[in-house]
Amino acid sequence: ELMAAIDAGASVRKDERQLMVGRLIGTYEIRLRLAQAQGQPA
């Protein structure tokens, strides 16, 4: 799906920051717990 979107002219932007996993993991663990509790497809 991602390749098809890019081939069709999707906007592509790279975050200019270089982030360390340690700064991201807590945020995504919280988002995962919320998604699991709410039964979200994500």
Full PDB file with SEQRES, HELIX, SHEET, SSBOND, CRYST1, ORIGX, SCALE, CONECT and MASTER records, all heavy atoms in Angstrom:
SEQRES   1 A   42  GLU LEU MET ALA ALA ILE ASP ALA GLY ALA SER VAL ARG          
SEQRES   2 A   42  LYS ASP GLU ARG GLN LEU MET VAL GLY ARG LEU ILE GLY          
SEQRES   3 A   42  THR TYR GLU ILE ARG LEU ARG LEU ALA GLN ALA GLN GLY          
SEQRES   4 A   42  GLN PRO ALA                                                  
HELIX    1 AA1 LEU A    2  ASP A    7  1                                   6    
HELIX    2 AA2 VAL A   21  GLN A   38  1                                  18    
CRYST1    1.000    1.000    1.000  90.00  90.00  90.00 P 1           1          
ORIGX1      1.000000  0.000000  0.000000        0.00000                         
ORIGX2      0.000000  1.000000  0.000000        0.00000                         
ORIGX3      0.000000  0.000000  1.000000        0.00000                         
SCALE1      1.000000  0.000000  0.000000        0.00000                         
SCALE2      0.000000  1.000000  0.000000        0.00000                         
SCALE3      0.000000  0.000000  1.000000        0.00000                         
ATOM      1  N   GLU A   1       0.833  -1.206   0.000  1.00  0.00           N  
ATOM      2  CA  GLU A   1       0.000   0.000   0.000  1.00  0.00           C  
ATOM      3  C   GLU A   1       0.868   1.255   0.000  1.00  0.00           C  
ATOM      4  O   GLU A   1       0.568   2.236  -0.681  1.00  0.00           O  
ATOM      5  CB  GLU A   1      -0.901   0.029   1.234  1.00  0.00           C  
ATOM      6  CG  GLU A   1      -1.885  -1.114   1.328  1.00  0.00           C  
ATOM      7  CD  GLU A   1      -2.421  -1.238   2.740  1.00  0.00           C  
ATOM      8  OE1 GLU A   1      -3.309  -0.445   3.077  1.00  0.00           O  
ATOM      9  OE2 GLU A   1      -1.935  -2.119   3.476  1.00  0.00           O  
ATOM     10  N   LEU A   2       1.921   1.208   0.766  1.00  0.00           N  
ATOM     11  CA  LEU A   2       2.846   2.328   0.879  1.00  0.00           C  
ATOM     12  C   LEU A   2       3.534   2.598  -0.455  1.00  0.00           C  
ATOM     13  O   LEU A   2       3.600   3.751  -0.908  1.00  0.00           O  
ATOM     14  CB  LEU A   2       3.868   2.024   1.969  1.00  0.00           C  
ATOM     15  CG  LEU A   2       4.850   3.085   2.385  1.00  0.00           C  
ATOM     16  CD1 LEU A   2       4.167   4.377   2.760  1.00  0.00           C  
ATOM     17  CD2 LEU A   2       5.673   2.576   3.554  1.00  0.00           C  
ATOM     18  N   MET A   3       4.015   1.550  -1.113  1.00  0.00           N  
ATOM     19  CA  MET A   3       4.663   1.708  -2.410  1.00  0.00           C  
ATOM     20  C   MET A   3       3.682   2.243  -3.455  1.00  0.00           C  
ATOM     21  O   MET A   3       4.024   3.105  -4.254  1.00  0.00           O  
ATOM     22  CB  MET A   3       5.256   0.379  -2.885  1.00  0.00           C  
ATOM     23  CG  MET A   3       6.462  -0.072  -2.079  1.00  0.00           C  
ATOM     24  SD  MET A   3       7.854   1.070  -2.152  1.00  0.00           S  
ATOM     25  CE  MET A   3       8.263   1.001  -3.878  1.00  0.00           C  
ATOM     26  N   ALA A   4       2.448   1.750  -3.416  1.00  0.00           N  
ATOM     27  CA  ALA A   4       1.434   2.226  -4.361  1.00  0.00           C  
ATOM     28  C   ALA A   4       1.144   3.705  -4.136  1.00  0.00           C  
ATOM     29  O   ALA A   4       1.001   4.475  -5.098  1.00  0.00           O  
ATOM     30  CB  ALA A   4       0.158   1.402  -4.221  1.00  0.00           C  
ATOM     31  N   ALA A   5       1.074   4.125  -2.881  1.00  0.00           N  
ATOM     32  CA  ALA A   5       0.813   5.535  -2.574  1.00  0.00           C  
ATOM     33  C   ALA A   5       1.958   6.413  -3.070  1.00  0.00           C  
ATOM     34  O   ALA A   5       1.733   7.475  -3.664  1.00  0.00           O  
ATOM     35  CB  ALA A   5       0.624   5.721  -1.066  1.00  0.00           C  
ATOM     36  N   ILE A   6       3.190   5.973  -2.876  1.00  0.00           N  
ATOM     37  CA  ILE A   6       4.346   6.738  -3.345  1.00  0.00           C  
ATOM     38  C   ILE A   6       4.365   6.800  -4.867  1.00  0.00           C  
ATOM     39  O   ILE A   6       4.591   7.856  -5.453  1.00  0.00           O  
ATOM     40  CB  ILE A   6       5.654   6.159  -2.769  1.00  0.00           C  
ATOM     41  CG1 ILE A   6       5.723   6.444  -1.258  1.00  0.00           C  
ATOM     42  CG2 ILE A   6       6.875   6.742  -3.482  1.00  0.00           C  
ATOM     43  CD1 ILE A   6       6.850   5.760  -0.536  1.00  0.00           C  
ATOM     44  N   ASP A   7       4.087   5.666  -5.507  1.00  0.00           N  
ATOM     45  CA  ASP A   7       4.040   5.636  -6.970  1.00  0.00           C  
ATOM     46  C   ASP A   7       2.957   6.559  -7.524  1.00  0.00           C  
ATOM     47  O   ASP A   7       3.085   7.082  -8.633  1.00  0.00           O  
ATOM     48  CB  ASP A   7       3.813   4.215  -7.477  1.00  0.00           C  
ATOM     49  CG  ASP A   7       5.036   3.326  -7.285  1.00  0.00           C  
ATOM     50  OD1 ASP A   7       6.149   3.860  -7.056  1.00  0.00           O  
ATOM     51  OD2 ASP A   7       4.873   2.086  -7.339  1.00  0.00           O  
ATOM     52  N   ALA A   8       1.886   6.771  -6.737  1.00  0.00           N  
ATOM     53  CA  ALA A   8       0.778   7.626  -7.171  1.00  0.00           C  
ATOM     54  C   ALA A   8       1.005   9.094  -6.807  1.00  0.00           C  
ATOM     55  O   ALA A   8       0.118   9.917  -6.980  1.00  0.00           O  
ATOM     56  CB  ALA A   8      -0.533   7.130  -6.572  1.00  0.00           C  
ATOM     57  N   GLY A   9       2.190   9.406  -6.267  1.00  0.00           N  
ATOM     58  CA  GLY A   9       2.517  10.802  -5.993  1.00  0.00           C  
ATOM     59  C   GLY A   9       2.277  11.272  -4.576  1.00  0.00           C  
ATOM     60  O   GLY A   9       2.119  12.483  -4.339  1.00  0.00           O  
ATOM     61  N   ALA A  10       2.247  10.369  -3.611  1.00  0.00           N  
ATOM     62  CA  ALA A  10       2.053  10.760  -2.221  1.00  0.00           C  
ATOM     63  C   ALA A  10       3.138  11.725  -1.767  1.00  0.00           C  
ATOM     64  O   ALA A  10       4.268  11.701  -2.264  1.00  0.00           O  
ATOM     65  CB  ALA A  10       2.058   9.525  -1.318  1.00  0.00           C  
ATOM     66  N   SER A  11       2.800  12.551  -0.820  1.00  0.00           N  
ATOM     67  CA  SER A  11       3.763  13.458  -0.201  1.00  0.00           C  
ATOM     68  C   SER A  11       4.644  12.648   0.753  1.00  0.00           C  
ATOM     69  O   SER A  11       4.130  11.885   1.570  1.00  0.00           O  
ATOM     70  CB  SER A  11       3.004  14.540   0.571  1.00  0.00           C  
ATOM     71  OG  SER A  11       3.863  15.239   1.428  1.00  0.00           O  
ATOM     72  N   VAL A  12       5.961  12.799   0.625  1.00  0.00           N  
ATOM     73  CA  VAL A  12       6.909  12.055   1.460  1.00  0.00           C  
ATOM     74  C   VAL A  12       7.790  13.055   2.186  1.00  0.00           C  
ATOM     75  O   VAL A  12       8.406  13.918   1.562  1.00  0.00           O  
ATOM     76  CB  VAL A  12       7.793  11.123   0.595  1.00  0.00           C  
ATOM     77  CG1 VAL A  12       8.797  10.377   1.462  1.00  0.00           C  
ATOM     78  CG2 VAL A  12       6.938  10.152  -0.202  1.00  0.00           C  
ATOM     79  N   ARG A  13       7.812  12.930   3.523  1.00  0.00           N  
ATOM     80  CA  ARG A  13       8.633  13.849   4.308  1.00  0.00           C  
ATOM     81  C   ARG A  13       9.353  13.068   5.401  1.00  0.00           C  
ATOM     82  O   ARG A  13       8.745  12.275   6.115  1.00  0.00           O  
ATOM     83  CB  ARG A  13       7.764  14.928   4.954  1.00  0.00           C  
ATOM     84  CG  ARG A  13       8.559  15.938   5.771  1.00  0.00           C  
ATOM     85  CD  ARG A  13       7.670  17.039   6.339  1.00  0.00           C  
ATOM     86  NE  ARG A  13       6.698  16.572   7.301  1.00  0.00           N  
ATOM     87  CZ  ARG A  13       6.941  16.395   8.597  1.00  0.00           C  
ATOM     88  NH1 ARG A  13       8.148  16.605   9.086  1.00  0.00           N  
ATOM     89  NH2 ARG A  13       5.984  15.984   9.409  1.00  0.00           N  
ATOM     90  N   LYS A  14      10.653  13.309   5.501  1.00  0.00           N  
ATOM     91  CA  LYS A  14      11.452  12.681   6.548  1.00  0.00           C  
ATOM     92  C   LYS A  14      11.613  13.672   7.690  1.00  0.00           C  
ATOM     93  O   LYS A  14      11.929  14.845   7.464  1.00  0.00           O  
ATOM     94  CB  LYS A  14      12.828  12.286   6.007  1.00  0.00           C  
ATOM     95  CG  LYS A  14      13.706  11.589   7.012  1.00  0.00           C  
ATOM     96  CD  LYS A  14      15.032  11.199   6.392  1.00  0.00           C  
ATOM     97  CE  LYS A  14      15.906  10.486   7.397  1.00  0.00           C  
ATOM     98  NZ  LYS A  14      17.208  10.153   6.822  1.00  0.00           N  
ATOM     99  N   ASP A  15      11.379  13.204   8.907  1.00  0.00           N  
ATOM    100  CA  ASP A  15      11.590  14.041  10.081  1.00  0.00           C  
ATOM    101  C   ASP A  15      13.073  14.391  10.131  1.00  0.00           C  
ATOM    102  O   ASP A  15      13.922  13.515  10.002  1.00  0.00           O  
ATOM    103  CB  ASP A  15      11.181  13.286  11.348  1.00  0.00           C  
ATOM    104  CG  ASP A  15      11.043  14.181  12.560  1.00  0.00           C  
ATOM    105  OD1 ASP A  15      11.868  15.107  12.714  1.00  0.00           O  
ATOM    106  OD2 ASP A  15      10.122  13.954  13.357  1.00  0.00           O  
ATOM    107  N   GLU A  16      13.382  15.650  10.266  1.00  0.00           N  
ATOM    108  CA  GLU A  16      14.779  16.086  10.247  1.00  0.00           C  
ATOM    109  C   GLU A  16      15.543  15.687  11.497  1.00  0.00           C  
ATOM    110  O   GLU A  16      16.768  15.641  11.497  1.00  0.00           O  
ATOM    111  CB  GLU A  16      14.844  17.598  10.052  1.00  0.00           C  
ATOM    112  CG  GLU A  16      14.338  18.016   8.690  1.00  0.00           C  
ATOM    113  CD  GLU A  16      14.404  19.521   8.477  1.00  0.00           C  
ATOM    114  OE1 GLU A  16      14.976  20.238   9.325  1.00  0.00           O  
ATOM    115  OE2 GLU A  16      13.875  19.972   7.458  1.00  0.00           O  
ATOM    116  N   ARG A  17      14.815  15.409  12.555  1.00  0.00           N  
ATOM    117  CA  ARG A  17      15.483  14.999  13.799  1.00  0.00           C  
ATOM    118  C   ARG A  17      15.923  13.549  13.688  1.00  0.00           C  
ATOM    119  O   ARG A  17      15.280  12.740  13.043  1.00  0.00           O  
ATOM    120  CB  ARG A  17      14.538  15.137  14.990  1.00  0.00           C  
ATOM    121  CG  ARG A  17      14.035  16.534  15.203  1.00  0.00           C  
ATOM    122  CD  ARG A  17      12.943  16.565  16.216  1.00  0.00           C  
ATOM    123  NE  ARG A  17      11.770  15.876  15.664  1.00  0.00           N  
ATOM    124  CZ  ARG A  17      10.688  15.591  16.361  1.00  0.00           C  
ATOM    125  NH1 ARG A  17      10.605  15.913  17.622  1.00  0.00           N  
ATOM    126  NH2 ARG A  17       9.669  14.976  15.795  1.00  0.00           N  
ATOM    127  N   GLN A  18      17.021  13.245  14.325  1.00  0.00           N  
ATOM    128  CA  GLN A  18      17.441  11.858  14.442  1.00  0.00           C  
ATOM    129  C   GLN A  18      17.152  11.468  15.887  1.00  0.00           C  
ATOM    130  O   GLN A  18      17.758  11.998  16.808  1.00  0.00           O  
ATOM    131  CB  GLN A  18      18.911  11.685  14.101  1.00  0.00           C  
ATOM    132  CG  GLN A  18      19.273  10.255  13.875  1.00  0.00           C  
ATOM    133  CD  GLN A  18      20.604  10.103  13.180  1.00  0.00           C  
ATOM    134  OE1 GLN A  18      21.437  10.989  13.214  1.00  0.00           O  
ATOM    135  NE2 GLN A  18      20.824   8.969  12.559  1.00  0.00           N  
ATOM    136  N   LEU A  19      16.181  10.607  16.067  1.00  0.00           N  
ATOM    137  CA  LEU A  19      15.684  10.261  17.392  1.00  0.00           C  
ATOM    138  C   LEU A  19      16.253   8.933  17.859  1.00  0.00           C  
ATOM    139  O   LEU A  19      16.442   8.017  17.061  1.00  0.00           O  
ATOM    140  CB  LEU A  19      14.155  10.188  17.353  1.00  0.00           C  
ATOM    141  CG  LEU A  19      13.458  11.447  16.847  1.00  0.00           C  
ATOM    142  CD1 LEU A  19      12.000  11.158  16.549  1.00  0.00           C  
ATOM    143  CD2 LEU A  19      13.591  12.566  17.858  1.00  0.00           C  
ATOM    144  N   MET A  20      16.483   8.843  19.135  1.00  0.00           N  
ATOM    145  CA  MET A  20      16.934   7.590  19.726  1.00  0.00           C  
ATOM    146  C   MET A  20      15.719   6.797  20.186  1.00  0.00           C  
ATOM    147  O   MET A  20      14.723   7.366  20.637  1.00  0.00           O  
ATOM    148  CB  MET A  20      17.874   7.851  20.911  1.00  0.00           C  
ATOM    149  CG  MET A  20      19.168   8.560  20.531  1.00  0.00           C  
ATOM    150  SD  MET A  20      20.147   7.685  19.296  1.00  0.00           S  
ATOM    151  CE  MET A  20      20.721   6.294  20.236  1.00  0.00           C  
ATOM    152  N   VAL A  21      15.802   5.483  20.068  1.00  0.00           N  
ATOM    153  CA  VAL A  21      14.697   4.610  20.440  1.00  0.00           C  
ATOM    154  C   VAL A  21      14.233   4.894  21.866  1.00  0.00           C  
ATOM    155  O   VAL A  21      13.039   4.933  22.140  1.00  0.00           O  
ATOM    156  CB  VAL A  21      15.093   3.127  20.269  1.00  0.00           C  
ATOM    157  CG1 VAL A  21      14.105   2.214  20.951  1.00  0.00           C  
ATOM    158  CG2 VAL A  21      15.199   2.786  18.800  1.00  0.00           C  
ATOM    159  N   GLY A  22      15.168   5.139  22.767  1.00  0.00           N  
ATOM    160  CA  GLY A  22      14.812   5.388  24.162  1.00  0.00           C  
ATOM    161  C   GLY A  22      13.873   6.562  24.361  1.00  0.00           C  
ATOM    162  O   GLY A  22      13.113   6.600  25.317  1.00  0.00           O  
ATOM    163  N   ARG A  23      13.888   7.515  23.433  1.00  0.00           N  
ATOM    164  CA  ARG A  23      12.996   8.673  23.537  1.00  0.00           C  
ATOM    165  C   ARG A  23      11.612   8.388  22.968  1.00  0.00           C  
ATOM    166  O   ARG A  23      10.675   9.124  23.219  1.00  0.00           O  
ATOM    167  CB  ARG A  23      13.604   9.859  22.804  1.00  0.00           C  
ATOM    168  CG  ARG A  23      14.910  10.283  23.470  1.00  0.00           C  
ATOM    169  CD  ARG A  23      15.241  11.669  23.217  1.00  0.00           C  
ATOM    170  NE  ARG A  23      14.123  12.551  23.586  1.00  0.00           N  
ATOM    171  CZ  ARG A  23      14.160  13.852  23.451  1.00  0.00           C  
ATOM    172  NH1 ARG A  23      15.227  14.413  22.971  1.00  0.00           N  
ATOM    173  NH2 ARG A  23      13.134  14.584  23.781  1.00  0.00           N  
ATOM    174  N   LEU A  24      11.481   7.337  22.167  1.00  0.00           N  
ATOM    175  CA  LEU A  24      10.215   7.026  21.508  1.00  0.00           C  
ATOM    176  C   LEU A  24       9.432   5.901  22.160  1.00  0.00           C  
ATOM    177  O   LEU A  24       8.209   5.899  22.114  1.00  0.00           O  
ATOM    178  CB  LEU A  24      10.470   6.612  20.049  1.00  0.00           C  
ATOM    179  CG  LEU A  24      10.989   7.654  19.090  1.00  0.00           C  
ATOM    180  CD1 LEU A  24      11.254   7.014  17.742  1.00  0.00           C  
ATOM    181  CD2 LEU A  24       9.995   8.780  18.949  1.00  0.00           C  
ATOM    182  N   ILE A  25      10.123   4.951  22.723  1.00  0.00           N  
ATOM    183  CA  ILE A  25       9.469   3.713  23.123  1.00  0.00           C  
ATOM    184  C   ILE A  25       8.345   3.932  24.138  1.00  0.00           C  
ATOM    185  O   ILE A  25       7.287   3.329  24.037  1.00  0.00           O  
ATOM    186  CB  ILE A  25      10.482   2.656  23.594  1.00  0.00           C  
ATOM    187  CG1 ILE A  25       9.805   1.300  23.655  1.00  0.00           C  
ATOM    188  CG2 ILE A  25      11.125   3.050  24.903  1.00  0.00           C  
ATOM    189  CD1 ILE A  25      10.746   0.138  23.699  1.00  0.00           C  
ATOM    190  N   GLY A  26       8.544   4.811  25.097  1.00  0.00           N  
ATOM    191  CA  GLY A  26       7.506   5.058  26.105  1.00  0.00           C  
ATOM    192  C   GLY A  26       6.218   5.573  25.485  1.00  0.00           C  
ATOM    193  O   GLY A  26       5.115   5.135  25.836  1.00  0.00           O  
ATOM    194  N   THR A  27       6.343   6.482  24.538  1.00  0.00           N  
ATOM    195  CA  THR A  27       5.171   7.032  23.856  1.00  0.00           C  
ATOM    196  C   THR A  27       4.404   5.934  23.136  1.00  0.00           C  
ATOM    197  O   THR A  27       3.174   5.847  23.235  1.00  0.00           O  
ATOM    198  CB  THR A  27       5.598   8.112  22.842  1.00  0.00           C  
ATOM    199  OG1 THR A  27       6.246   9.161  23.555  1.00  0.00           O  
ATOM    200  CG2 THR A  27       4.420   8.647  22.060  1.00  0.00           C  
ATOM    201  N   TYR A  28       5.117   5.087  22.419  1.00  0.00           N  
ATOM    202  CA  TYR A  28       4.439   4.045  21.653  1.00  0.00           C  
ATOM    203  C   TYR A  28       3.921   2.918  22.545  1.00  0.00           C  
ATOM    204  O   TYR A  28       2.931   2.269  22.208  1.00  0.00           O  
ATOM    205  CB  TYR A  28       5.331   3.538  20.522  1.00  0.00           C  
ATOM    206  CG  TYR A  28       5.374   4.551  19.405  1.00  0.00           C  
ATOM    207  CD1 TYR A  28       6.513   5.315  19.174  1.00  0.00           C  
ATOM    208  CD2 TYR A  28       4.259   4.796  18.619  1.00  0.00           C  
ATOM    209  CE1 TYR A  28       6.538   6.276  18.171  1.00  0.00           C  
ATOM    210  CE2 TYR A  28       4.275   5.749  17.622  1.00  0.00           C  
ATOM    211  CZ  TYR A  28       5.418   6.492  17.398  1.00  0.00           C  
ATOM    212  OH  TYR A  28       5.433   7.446  16.418  1.00  0.00           O  
ATOM    213  N   GLU A  29       4.543   2.680  23.686  1.00  0.00           N  
ATOM    214  CA  GLU A  29       3.993   1.706  24.635  1.00  0.00           C  
ATOM    215  C   GLU A  29       2.649   2.195  25.184  1.00  0.00           C  
ATOM    216  O   GLU A  29       1.706   1.413  25.312  1.00  0.00           O  
ATOM    217  CB  GLU A  29       4.984   1.457  25.776  1.00  0.00           C  
ATOM    218  CG  GLU A  29       6.153   0.604  25.373  1.00  0.00           C  
ATOM    219  CD  GLU A  29       7.205   0.463  26.451  1.00  0.00           C  
ATOM    220  OE1 GLU A  29       7.337   1.367  27.318  1.00  0.00           O  
ATOM    221  OE2 GLU A  29       7.912  -0.545  26.429  1.00  0.00           O  
ATOM    222  N   ILE A  30       2.565   3.483  25.478  1.00  0.00           N  
ATOM    223  CA  ILE A  30       1.296   4.058  25.954  1.00  0.00           C  
ATOM    224  C   ILE A  30       0.238   3.981  24.856  1.00  0.00           C  
ATOM    225  O   ILE A  30      -0.900   3.578  25.105  1.00  0.00           O  
ATOM    226  CB  ILE A  30       1.496   5.516  26.420  1.00  0.00           C  
ATOM    227  CG1 ILE A  30       2.340   5.539  27.690  1.00  0.00           C  
ATOM    228  CG2 ILE A  30       0.150   6.218  26.632  1.00  0.00           C  
ATOM    229  CD1 ILE A  30       2.839   6.910  28.081  1.00  0.00           C  
ATOM    230  N   ARG A  31       0.603   4.351  23.634  1.00  0.00           N  
ATOM    231  CA  ARG A  31      -0.347   4.279  22.519  1.00  0.00           C  
ATOM    232  C   ARG A  31      -0.818   2.841  22.291  1.00  0.00           C  
ATOM    233  O   ARG A  31      -1.988   2.604  21.993  1.00  0.00           O  
ATOM    234  CB  ARG A  31       0.281   4.830  21.239  1.00  0.00           C  
ATOM    235  CG  ARG A  31       0.456   6.346  21.285  1.00  0.00           C  
ATOM    236  CD  ARG A  31       0.999   6.895  20.003  1.00  0.00           C  
ATOM    237  NE  ARG A  31       0.044   6.702  18.918  1.00  0.00           N  
ATOM    238  CZ  ARG A  31       0.311   6.963  17.641  1.00  0.00           C  
ATOM    239  NH1 ARG A  31       1.499   7.414  17.292  1.00  0.00           N  
ATOM    240  NH2 ARG A  31      -0.599   6.768  16.718  1.00  0.00           N  
ATOM    241  N   LEU A  32       0.083   1.876  22.467  1.00  0.00           N  
ATOM    242  CA  LEU A  32      -0.286   0.470  22.310  1.00  0.00           C  
ATOM    243  C   LEU A  32      -1.288   0.051  23.379  1.00  0.00           C  
ATOM    244  O   LEU A  32      -2.298  -0.587  23.078  1.00  0.00           O  
ATOM    245  CB  LEU A  32       0.959  -0.421  22.358  1.00  0.00           C  
ATOM    246  CG  LEU A  32       0.709  -1.932  22.357  1.00  0.00           C  
ATOM    247  CD1 LEU A  32      -0.057  -2.355  21.103  1.00  0.00           C  
ATOM    248  CD2 LEU A  32       2.025  -2.687  22.481  1.00  0.00           C  
ATOM    249  N   ARG A  33      -1.035   0.403  24.632  1.00  0.00           N  
ATOM    250  CA  ARG A  33      -1.962   0.046  25.709  1.00  0.00           C  
ATOM    251  C   ARG A  33      -3.347   0.647  25.466  1.00  0.00           C  
ATOM    252  O   ARG A  33      -4.362  -0.011  25.666  1.00  0.00           O  
ATOM    253  CB  ARG A  33      -1.406   0.484  27.068  1.00  0.00           C  
ATOM    254  CG  ARG A  33      -0.319  -0.437  27.590  1.00  0.00           C  
ATOM    255  CD  ARG A  33      -0.024  -0.224  29.063  1.00  0.00           C  
ATOM    256  NE  ARG A  33       0.474   1.105  29.374  1.00  0.00           N  
ATOM    257  CZ  ARG A  33       1.752   1.465  29.374  1.00  0.00           C  
ATOM    258  NH1 ARG A  33       2.676   0.579  29.077  1.00  0.00           N  
ATOM    259  NH2 ARG A  33       2.115   2.690  29.689  1.00  0.00           N  
ATOM    260  N   LEU A  34      -3.386   1.898  25.015  1.00  0.00           N  
ATOM    261  CA  LEU A  34      -4.671   2.533  24.721  1.00  0.00           C  
ATOM    262  C   LEU A  34      -5.382   1.829  23.559  1.00  0.00           C  
ATOM    263  O   LEU A  34      -6.590   1.588  23.608  1.00  0.00           O  
ATOM    264  CB  LEU A  34      -4.473   4.017  24.387  1.00  0.00           C  
ATOM    265  CG  LEU A  34      -4.064   4.905  25.547  1.00  0.00           C  
ATOM    266  CD1 LEU A  34      -3.687   6.299  25.051  1.00  0.00           C  
ATOM    267  CD2 LEU A  34      -5.183   4.995  26.576  1.00  0.00           C  
ATOM    268  N   ALA A  35      -4.644   1.509  22.518  1.00  0.00           N  
ATOM    269  CA  ALA A  35      -5.231   0.826  21.365  1.00  0.00           C  
ATOM    270  C   ALA A  35      -5.768  -0.551  21.746  1.00  0.00           C  
ATOM    271  O   ALA A  35      -6.850  -0.958  21.297  1.00  0.00           O  
ATOM    272  CB  ALA A  35      -4.203   0.706  20.243  1.00  0.00           C  
ATOM    273  N   GLN A  36      -5.032  -1.261  22.601  1.00  0.00           N  
ATOM    274  CA  GLN A  36      -5.486  -2.579  23.046  1.00  0.00           C  
ATOM    275  C   GLN A  36      -6.745  -2.455  23.891  1.00  0.00           C  
ATOM    276  O   GLN A  36      -7.688  -3.229  23.730  1.00  0.00           O  
ATOM    277  CB  GLN A  36      -4.383  -3.276  23.832  1.00  0.00           C  
ATOM    278  CG  GLN A  36      -3.233  -3.732  22.974  1.00  0.00           C  
ATOM    279  CD  GLN A  36      -2.034  -4.206  23.778  1.00  0.00           C  
ATOM    280  OE1 GLN A  36      -1.798  -3.752  24.897  1.00  0.00           O  
ATOM    281  NE2 GLN A  36      -1.262  -5.117  23.193  1.00  0.00           N  
ATOM    282  N   ALA A  37      -6.787  -1.483  24.789  1.00  0.00           N  
ATOM    283  CA  ALA A  37      -7.944  -1.292  25.654  1.00  0.00           C  
ATOM    284  C   ALA A  37      -9.185  -0.902  24.864  1.00  0.00           C  
ATOM    285  O   ALA A  37     -10.302  -1.278  25.222  1.00  0.00           O  
ATOM    286  CB  ALA A  37      -7.642  -0.227  26.711  1.00  0.00           C  
ATOM    287  N   GLN A  38      -8.994  -0.161  23.781  1.00  0.00           N  
ATOM    288  CA  GLN A  38     -10.115   0.314  22.978  1.00  0.00           C  
ATOM    289  C   GLN A  38     -10.413  -0.587  21.790  1.00  0.00           C  
ATOM    290  O   GLN A  38     -11.328  -0.317  21.017  1.00  0.00           O  
ATOM    291  CB  GLN A  38      -9.835   1.737  22.487  1.00  0.00           C  
ATOM    292  CG  GLN A  38      -9.718   2.727  23.622  1.00  0.00           C  
ATOM    293  CD  GLN A  38      -9.219   4.088  23.163  1.00  0.00           C  
ATOM    294  OE1 GLN A  38      -8.906   4.289  21.989  1.00  0.00           O  
ATOM    295  NE2 GLN A  38      -9.132   5.021  24.091  1.00  0.00           N  
ATOM    296  N   GLY A  39      -9.630  -1.644  21.623  1.00  0.00           N  
ATOM    297  CA  GLY A  39      -9.845  -2.576  20.520  1.00  0.00           C  
ATOM    298  C   GLY A  39      -9.626  -1.967  19.147  1.00  0.00           C  
ATOM    299  O   GLY A  39     -10.269  -2.356  18.186  1.00  0.00           O  
ATOM    300  N   GLN A  40      -8.704  -1.037  19.057  1.00  0.00           N  
ATOM    301  CA  GLN A  40      -8.440  -0.364  17.783  1.00  0.00           C  
ATOM    302  C   GLN A  40      -7.676  -1.284  16.835  1.00  0.00           C  
ATOM    303  O   GLN A  40      -6.825  -2.056  17.255  1.00  0.00           O  
ATOM    304  CB  GLN A  40      -7.633   0.916  18.007  1.00  0.00           C  
ATOM    305  CG  GLN A  40      -8.375   1.971  18.768  1.00  0.00           C  
ATOM    306  CD  GLN A  40      -7.502   3.193  19.025  1.00  0.00           C  
ATOM    307  OE1 GLN A  40      -6.326   3.215  18.726  1.00  0.00           O  
ATOM    308  NE2 GLN A  40      -8.112   4.207  19.609  1.00  0.00           N  
ATOM    309  N   PRO A  41      -7.972  -1.179  15.538  1.00  0.00           N  
ATOM    310  CA  PRO A  41      -7.264  -2.026  14.565  1.00  0.00           C  
ATOM    311  C   PRO A  41      -5.762  -1.761  14.517  1.00  0.00           C  
ATOM    312  O   PRO A  41      -5.000  -2.640  14.144  1.00  0.00           O  
ATOM    313  CB  PRO A  41      -7.904  -1.670  13.223  1.00  0.00           C  
ATOM    314  CG  PRO A  41      -9.013  -0.728  13.491  1.00  0.00           C  
ATOM    315  CD  PRO A  41      -8.983  -0.349  14.934  1.00  0.00           C  
ATOM    316  N   ALA A  42      -5.326  -0.572  14.903  1.00  0.00           N  
ATOM    317  CA  ALA A  42      -3.904  -0.224  14.838  1.00  0.00           C  
ATOM    318  C   ALA A  42      -3.071  -0.958  15.883  1.00  0.00           C  
ATOM    319  O   ALA A  42      -1.848  -0.869  15.863  1.00  0.00           O  
ATOM    320  CB  ALA A  42      -3.733   1.287  15.017  1.00  0.00           C  
TER     321      ALA A  42                                                      
MASTER        0    0    0    2    0    0    0    6  320    1    0    4          
END                                                                             
